[in-house]
Amino acid sequence: MDEYNIKFISEEQVTDELDTKLRDLLVHCFPETAHIFSKQRFYHEPPQYRWCIFGENDSLIAHVALHIKKVKTEFTNYDMGGIAEVCVHSDYRRQGITRMLLKQILDYLRERNIVFAMLFGDTSVYSSSGFKQLNNKIRYFDQKSEEWKIEKDPSAMYLELGQVNWPEGNVDICGPTF
């Protein structure tokens, strides 16, 4: 990975040029949601942070977004890192790039004493990084119906980052999915 340039970028640092590169990569990696990513660089809401890998000629080859959110339960609240828009250009897949980026993000979260990471994805991809399928019902804001919903999502996954066990019962992610 020495030939790649990895950058940690806050949302405020995204330039017009990077915005175009992000949208192009997201459309390439997620053609089924090209109608969203052709217009904006996030699915539901902008993340606070991004990790980007640039290759030759400053081309964007990989990206992961990070939302810092709260998880509310019946008894307490937790800080959580919501991982989203994980993508690697098809020319660079199967080189461990996703795992490398996830490790950097998880280290970032642990350094800040954030106790959980959560994402919506394929268990066959993310279980190798320690993520487990979430069996709780999730309360979230559905932007299509403009209503709060509580339901299970088979693509929801979590990772415990410290000594706190994932809570039982319903969890509220205090906003839309990511």
Protein backbone atom coordinates (compact mmCIF):
# COMPACT_ATOMS: atom_id res chain seq x y z
CA MET A 1 0.00 0.00 0.00
CA ASP A 2 3.04 2.27 -0.05
CA GLU A 3 2.10 3.58 -3.49
CA TYR A 4 -1.23 4.90 -2.24
CA ASN A 5 -1.88 8.23 -0.60
CA ILE A 6 -4.36 7.85 2.29
CA LYS A 7 -6.04 11.02 3.52
CA PHE A 8 -8.29 11.68 6.49
CA ILE A 9 -10.71 14.42 5.44
CA SER A 10 -13.37 16.23 7.43
CA GLU A 11 -16.57 17.08 5.57
CA GLU A 12 -15.66 20.79 5.66
CA GLN A 13 -12.45 20.04 3.74
CA VAL A 14 -14.21 18.51 0.72
CA THR A 15 -13.46 20.71 -2.29
CA ASP A 16 -15.49 20.88 -5.49
CA GLU A 17 -12.85 18.73 -7.19
CA LEU A 18 -12.99 16.09 -4.46
CA ASP A 19 -16.79 16.21 -4.47
CA THR A 20 -16.76 15.28 -8.16
CA LYS A 21 -14.27 12.47 -7.56
CA LEU A 22 -16.32 11.12 -4.64
CA ARG A 23 -19.56 11.15 -6.60
CA ASP A 24 -17.89 9.49 -9.59
CA LEU A 25 -16.44 6.71 -7.40
CA LEU A 26 -19.74 6.19 -5.57
CA VAL A 27 -21.67 5.95 -8.85
CA HIS A 28 -19.07 3.48 -10.17
CA CYS A 29 -19.25 1.31 -7.04
CA PHE A 30 -23.00 1.60 -6.38
CA PRO A 31 -24.71 1.78 -9.80
CA GLU A 32 -28.07 0.82 -8.23
CA THR A 33 -28.05 4.15 -6.36
CA ALA A 34 -26.43 6.24 -9.07
CA HIS A 35 -29.50 8.51 -9.06
CA ILE A 36 -28.52 9.58 -5.52
CA PHE A 37 -24.73 9.64 -5.80
CA SER A 38 -24.73 11.50 -9.09
CA LYS A 39 -26.22 14.44 -7.16
CA GLN A 40 -24.61 14.15 -3.71
CA ARG A 41 -21.62 12.46 -2.04
CA PHE A 42 -23.62 10.74 0.71
CA TYR A 43 -26.64 8.46 0.86
CA HIS A 44 -28.83 10.09 3.55
CA GLU A 45 -26.78 12.68 5.41
CA PRO A 46 -23.23 13.99 5.16
CA PRO A 47 -20.70 12.21 7.38
CA GLN A 48 -18.34 14.13 9.63
CA TYR A 49 -15.24 12.37 8.25
CA ARG A 50 -13.91 10.43 5.29
CA TRP A 51 -10.89 8.28 4.59
CA CYS A 52 -9.84 8.41 0.95
CA ILE A 53 -7.11 6.61 -0.92
CA PHE A 54 -5.65 8.31 -3.95
CA GLY A 55 -3.61 6.58 -6.64
CA GLU A 56 -1.69 7.76 -9.65
CA ASN A 57 -2.56 11.23 -10.96
CA ASP A 58 -4.48 11.87 -7.73
CA SER A 59 -7.28 9.53 -8.83
CA LEU A 60 -9.67 8.46 -6.06
CA ILE A 61 -9.58 4.68 -5.72
CA ALA A 62 -11.22 4.02 -2.34
CA HIS A 63 -13.40 5.75 0.21
CA VAL A 64 -15.08 5.19 3.57
CA ALA A 65 -17.34 7.67 5.37
CA LEU A 66 -17.68 7.95 9.15
CA HIS A 67 -20.69 9.33 11.02
CA ILE A 68 -20.26 9.97 14.74
CA LYS A 69 -23.68 9.21 16.21
CA LYS A 70 -25.47 8.27 19.41
CA VAL A 71 -27.10 4.95 20.07
CA LYS A 72 -29.93 5.23 22.57
CA THR A 73 -31.29 2.27 24.46
CA GLU A 74 -33.93 1.95 27.13
CA PHE A 75 -31.32 2.42 29.86
CA THR A 76 -28.41 4.47 28.48
CA ASN A 77 -26.80 6.19 25.47
CA TYR A 78 -23.55 5.29 23.73
CA ASP A 79 -21.29 6.99 21.22
CA MET A 80 -21.06 5.07 17.96
CA GLY A 81 -19.17 5.29 14.71
CA GLY A 82 -21.47 4.75 11.75
CA ILE A 83 -19.48 3.48 8.79
CA ALA A 84 -20.91 4.14 5.32
CA GLU A 85 -20.21 4.38 1.62
CA VAL A 86 -17.39 1.83 1.78
CA CYS A 87 -16.14 1.50 -1.76
CA VAL A 88 -13.07 0.53 -3.75
CA HIS A 89 -12.80 1.11 -7.48
CA SER A 90 -13.17 -2.21 -9.34
CA ASP A 91 -9.60 -1.97 -10.68
CA TYR A 92 -8.22 -2.11 -7.11
CA ARG A 93 -10.40 -4.71 -5.38
CA ARG A 94 -9.15 -7.86 -3.66
CA GLN A 95 -6.00 -6.14 -2.37
CA GLY A 96 -7.07 -5.71 1.26
CA ILE A 97 -7.87 -2.01 0.84
CA THR A 98 -11.25 -2.19 2.58
CA ARG A 99 -9.81 -4.06 5.55
CA MET A 100 -6.94 -1.55 5.79
CA LEU A 101 -9.33 1.43 5.78
CA LEU A 102 -11.63 -0.20 8.32
CA LYS A 103 -8.66 -0.83 10.63
CA GLN A 104 -7.73 2.86 10.47
CA ILE A 105 -11.30 3.92 11.23
CA LEU A 106 -11.67 1.44 14.09
CA ASP A 107 -8.37 2.63 15.59
CA TYR A 108 -9.60 6.22 15.26
CA LEU A 109 -12.82 5.33 17.11
CA ARG A 110 -11.00 3.42 19.88
CA GLU A 111 -8.61 6.35 20.43
CA ARG A 112 -11.67 8.52 21.09
CA ASN A 113 -13.28 5.97 23.45
CA ILE A 114 -16.19 5.34 21.11
CA VAL A 115 -17.55 1.98 22.17
CA PHE A 116 -19.29 0.72 19.02
CA ALA A 117 -19.00 0.75 15.26
CA MET A 118 -22.00 -0.01 13.09
CA LEU A 119 -22.57 -0.41 9.38
CA PHE A 120 -25.08 -1.76 6.92
CA GLY A 121 -23.51 -4.31 4.61
CA ASP A 122 -22.81 -7.86 3.57
CA THR A 123 -21.80 -10.15 6.45
CA SER A 124 -19.53 -12.15 4.13
CA VAL A 125 -17.47 -8.98 3.56
CA TYR A 126 -17.41 -7.37 6.99
CA SER A 127 -17.33 -10.36 9.34
CA SER A 128 -13.62 -10.79 8.56
CA SER A 129 -13.08 -7.39 10.21
CA GLY A 130 -14.96 -8.53 13.33
CA PHE A 131 -18.43 -7.19 12.56
CA LYS A 132 -21.41 -9.26 13.69
CA GLN A 133 -24.96 -9.28 12.44
CA LEU A 134 -27.20 -7.08 14.57
CA ASN A 135 -30.33 -8.85 15.75
CA ASN A 136 -31.93 -5.90 17.54
CA LYS A 137 -34.70 -3.83 16.11
CA ILE A 138 -33.43 -0.42 15.06
CA ARG A 139 -35.32 2.83 15.46
CA TYR A 140 -34.41 5.21 12.63
CA PHE A 141 -35.83 8.05 10.59
CA ASP A 142 -37.01 6.89 7.16
CA GLN A 143 -36.52 9.85 4.85
CA LYS A 144 -38.75 8.43 2.11
CA SER A 145 -41.83 8.15 4.30
CA GLU A 146 -40.68 10.95 6.65
CA GLU A 147 -41.56 8.71 9.60
CA TRP A 148 -39.70 7.05 12.43
CA LYS A 149 -39.58 3.26 12.05
CA ILE A 150 -38.59 0.40 14.31
CA GLU A 151 -37.57 -2.78 12.52
CA LYS A 152 -34.84 -5.34 12.03
CA ASP A 153 -32.46 -4.84 9.14
CA PRO A 154 -30.62 -7.97 7.96
CA SER A 155 -27.73 -5.85 6.67
CA ALA A 156 -27.13 -4.11 10.03
CA MET A 157 -23.84 -5.09 11.66
CA TYR A 158 -21.98 -3.95 14.77
CA LEU A 159 -18.56 -4.22 16.37
CA GLU A 160 -17.78 -3.79 20.05
CA LEU A 161 -14.67 -1.60 20.32
CA GLY A 162 -13.95 -1.95 24.02
CA GLN A 163 -15.33 -3.49 27.17
CA VAL A 164 -18.98 -2.57 26.60
CA ASN A 165 -21.27 -5.28 25.25
CA TRP A 166 -23.70 -4.41 22.49
CA PRO A 167 -27.05 -3.62 24.16
CA GLU A 168 -30.08 -5.86 24.08
CA GLY A 169 -33.51 -4.61 23.08
CA ASN A 170 -34.32 -1.88 20.60
CA VAL A 171 -31.60 0.60 19.66
CA ASP A 172 -32.28 4.10 18.41
CA ILE A 173 -29.69 5.48 15.97
CA CYS A 174 -31.20 8.97 16.37
CA GLY A 175 -31.57 9.71 12.70
CA PRO A 176 -31.52 8.06 9.28
CA THR A 177 -29.53 4.98 8.44
CA PHE A 178 -26.11 5.60 6.98
